[in-house]
C-alpha atoms as a PDB file:
ATOM      1  CA  MET A   1      -0.019  -0.019  -0.022  1.00  0.00           C
ATOM      2  CA  ARG A   2       1.475   3.304  -1.105  1.00  0.00           C
ATOM      3  CA  LEU A   3       1.507   6.212   1.447  1.00  0.00           C
ATOM      4  CA  ASN A   4      -0.487   9.164   0.289  1.00  0.00           C
ATOM      5  CA  VAL A   5      -0.013  11.530   3.251  1.00  0.00           C
ATOM      6  CA  GLY A   6       3.006  13.822   3.197  1.00  0.00           C
ATOM      7  CA  GLY A   7       5.377  14.452   6.063  1.00  0.00           C
ATOM      8  CA  ALA A   8       4.030  17.837   7.216  1.00  0.00           C
ATOM      9  CA  ASP A   9       0.441  16.655   6.786  1.00  0.00           C
ATOM     10  CA  ARG A  10       1.171  13.594   8.970  1.00  0.00           C
ATOM     11  CA  VAL A  11       2.606  15.749  11.732  1.00  0.00           C
ATOM     12  CA  ILE A  12      -0.372  18.129  11.607  1.00  0.00           C
ATOM     13  CA  ARG A  13      -2.893  15.271  11.668  1.00  0.00           C
ATOM     14  CA  ILE A  14      -1.135  13.618  14.664  1.00  0.00           C
ATOM     15  CA  ILE A  15      -1.108  16.884  16.611  1.00  0.00           C
ATOM     16  CA  VAL A  16      -4.787  17.676  15.828  1.00  0.00           C
ATOM     17  CA  GLY A  17      -5.769  14.090  16.749  1.00  0.00           C
ATOM     18  CA  ILE A  18      -3.984  14.309  20.098  1.00  0.00           C
ATOM     19  CA  VAL A  19      -5.466  17.688  20.900  1.00  0.00           C
ATOM     20  CA  LEU A  20      -8.991  16.510  20.140  1.00  0.00           C
ATOM     21  CA  LEU A  21      -8.489  13.389  22.235  1.00  0.00           C
ATOM     22  CA  ALA A  22      -7.097  15.553  25.059  1.00  0.00           C
ATOM     23  CA  LEU A  23     -10.349  17.525  25.056  1.00  0.00           C
ATOM     24  CA  VAL A  24     -12.212  14.355  26.042  1.00  0.00           C
ATOM     25  CA  VAL A  25      -9.958  13.914  29.108  1.00  0.00           C
ATOM     26  CA  VAL A  26      -9.163  17.487  30.164  1.00  0.00           C
ATOM     27  CA  GLY A  27     -11.667  19.812  28.410  1.00  0.00           C
ATOM     28  CA  PRO A  28     -15.385  19.894  28.213  1.00  0.00           C
ATOM     29  CA  GLN A  29     -15.583  16.057  28.042  1.00  0.00           C
ATOM     30  CA  THR A  30     -17.921  15.731  25.068  1.00  0.00           C
ATOM     31  CA  TRP A  31     -18.067  12.871  22.591  1.00  0.00           C
ATOM     32  CA  TRP A  32     -16.978  15.184  19.771  1.00  0.00           C
ATOM     33  CA  GLY A  33     -13.397  14.875  20.989  1.00  0.00           C
ATOM     34  CA  LEU A  34     -13.406  11.203  19.965  1.00  0.00           C
ATOM     35  CA  LEU A  35     -13.329  12.393  16.344  1.00  0.00           C
ATOM     36  CA  GLY A  36      -9.628  12.946  17.075  1.00  0.00           C
ATOM     37  CA  ILE A  37      -9.175   9.177  16.470  1.00  0.00           C
ATOM     38  CA  ILE A  38      -9.619   9.690  12.759  1.00  0.00           C
ATOM     39  CA  PRO A  39      -6.820  12.212  12.062  1.00  0.00           C
ATOM     40  CA  LEU A  40      -4.598  10.444  14.587  1.00  0.00           C
ATOM     41  CA  ALA A  41      -5.042   7.103  12.854  1.00  0.00           C
ATOM     42  CA  THR A  42      -4.577   8.497   9.393  1.00  0.00           C
ATOM     43  CA  GLY A  43      -1.501  10.407  10.568  1.00  0.00           C
ATOM     44  CA  LEU A  44       0.072   7.330  12.164  1.00  0.00           C
ATOM     45  CA  VAL A  45      -0.729   4.947   9.329  1.00  0.00           C
ATOM     46  CA  GLY A  46       0.025   7.469   6.510  1.00  0.00           C
ATOM     47  CA  TYR A  47      -2.820   6.367   4.319  1.00  0.00           C
END
C-alpha cells in the first residue's frame, strides 16, 4: 500500500488528533473529542 499523506500533513494530523482526544480527558468532556481518533489514525498509518 502506497503512502498518500505527506510528512508535514502527517505531523499536523497527529497533533490535531492528540489535541482532540485531550479535550475528552481534560476539556469539556464531550463525545466530539473522539473524532480525534480519525486524524490520529490517518497520521500514524500514513494512508
